[in-house]
Protein backbone atom coordinates (compact mmCIF):
# COMPACT_ATOMS: atom_id res chain seq x y z
CA MET A 1 -37.57 -24.55 54.16
CA VAL A 2 -33.83 -23.83 53.95
CA GLU A 3 -32.49 -22.98 50.51
CA LEU A 4 -29.35 -24.84 49.50
CA GLU A 5 -26.48 -22.69 48.37
CA THR A 6 -24.63 -23.77 45.22
CA PRO A 7 -21.73 -22.26 43.30
CA GLU A 8 -24.12 -21.44 40.44
CA LYS A 9 -26.58 -19.71 42.77
CA ILE A 10 -23.80 -17.68 44.37
CA HIS A 11 -22.39 -16.69 40.98
CA LEU A 12 -25.79 -15.53 39.74
CA ALA A 13 -26.42 -13.61 42.94
CA ILE A 14 -23.16 -11.68 42.75
CA GLU A 15 -23.29 -10.90 39.01
CA LYS A 16 -25.29 -7.73 39.61
CA LYS A 17 -22.81 -6.50 42.19
CA LEU A 18 -19.98 -7.23 39.78
CA SER A 19 -21.69 -5.25 37.02
CA LEU A 20 -21.86 -2.29 39.40
CA GLY A 21 -18.10 -2.38 39.84
CA SER A 22 -17.78 -4.44 43.00
CA SER A 23 -14.97 -6.97 43.25
CA TYR A 24 -15.52 -10.72 43.55
CA ILE A 25 -14.14 -10.74 47.06
CA ASP A 26 -16.33 -7.84 48.23
CA SER A 27 -19.36 -9.31 46.46
CA LEU A 28 -18.94 -12.65 48.21
CA ILE A 29 -18.59 -10.98 51.60
CA GLU A 30 -21.72 -8.93 50.97
CA TYR A 31 -23.55 -12.07 49.77
CA ALA A 32 -22.72 -13.83 53.05
CA LYS A 33 -23.87 -10.83 55.10
CA GLU A 34 -27.14 -10.46 53.17
CA ARG A 35 -28.00 -14.12 53.70
CA ASP A 36 -26.67 -14.21 57.27
CA ILE A 37 -24.32 -17.11 56.58
CA GLU A 38 -20.72 -17.60 57.61
CA ILE A 39 -18.11 -16.50 55.08
CA GLU A 40 -16.48 -19.89 55.64
CA THR A 41 -19.67 -21.54 54.37
CA VAL A 42 -19.52 -19.42 51.22
CA ALA A 43 -15.84 -20.31 50.83
CA GLU A 44 -16.59 -24.03 51.03
CA ILE A 45 -19.22 -23.66 48.31
CA VAL A 46 -16.97 -21.50 46.12
CA LYS A 47 -14.18 -24.10 46.36
CA LYS A 48 -16.42 -26.39 44.29
CA SER A 49 -16.41 -23.96 41.34
CA THR A 50 -13.18 -23.78 39.37
CA ILE A 51 -14.47 -20.73 37.49
CA ILE A 52 -15.21 -18.66 40.59
CA LYS A 53 -11.99 -19.83 42.27
CA GLU A 54 -9.93 -18.77 39.28
CA LYS A 55 -11.62 -15.36 39.05
CA ILE A 56 -11.02 -14.73 42.75
CA ARG A 57 -7.42 -15.92 42.42
CA MET A 58 -6.80 -13.57 39.49
CA GLU A 59 -8.40 -10.67 41.34
CA ALA A 60 -6.33 -11.36 44.45
CA LYS A 61 -3.20 -11.67 42.35
CA SER A 62 -3.87 -8.36 40.60
CA LYS A 63 -4.28 -6.71 44.02
CA ARG A 64 -1.07 -8.34 45.22
CA MET A 65 -2.91 -10.27 47.91
CA LEU A 66 -1.17 -13.54 46.98
CA LYS A 67 2.32 -14.79 47.39
CA GLU A 68 3.58 -16.46 44.22
CA SER A 69 4.89 -19.98 44.47
CA VAL A 70 8.48 -20.47 43.30
CA HIS A 71 7.66 -23.93 41.91
CA ASP A 72 4.94 -23.35 39.36
CA ASN A 73 4.03 -19.65 39.34
CA ARG A 74 0.59 -20.43 40.87
CA SER A 75 -0.54 -19.29 44.27
CA GLU A 76 -1.83 -21.56 46.97
CA PHE A 77 -4.82 -19.34 47.77
CA PHE A 78 -7.35 -22.16 48.14
CA GLU A 79 -5.12 -24.86 49.54
């Protein structure tokens, strides 16, 4: 039987990695590798969670991985 992935399940699975100092982005990549699923699949699931999306956006912003929008000071990372 195939287990369904949910934002909550992903968040719980990566919490341990986060507590060990891993970043959200690295934790999600490792999660996909461990479960042998496409990173795009994980991204589609994560897009359903505003909490995870915001944490990833803030992490990416702090690492200067995002280009700021002139209009509203928010990035279009998940658009």
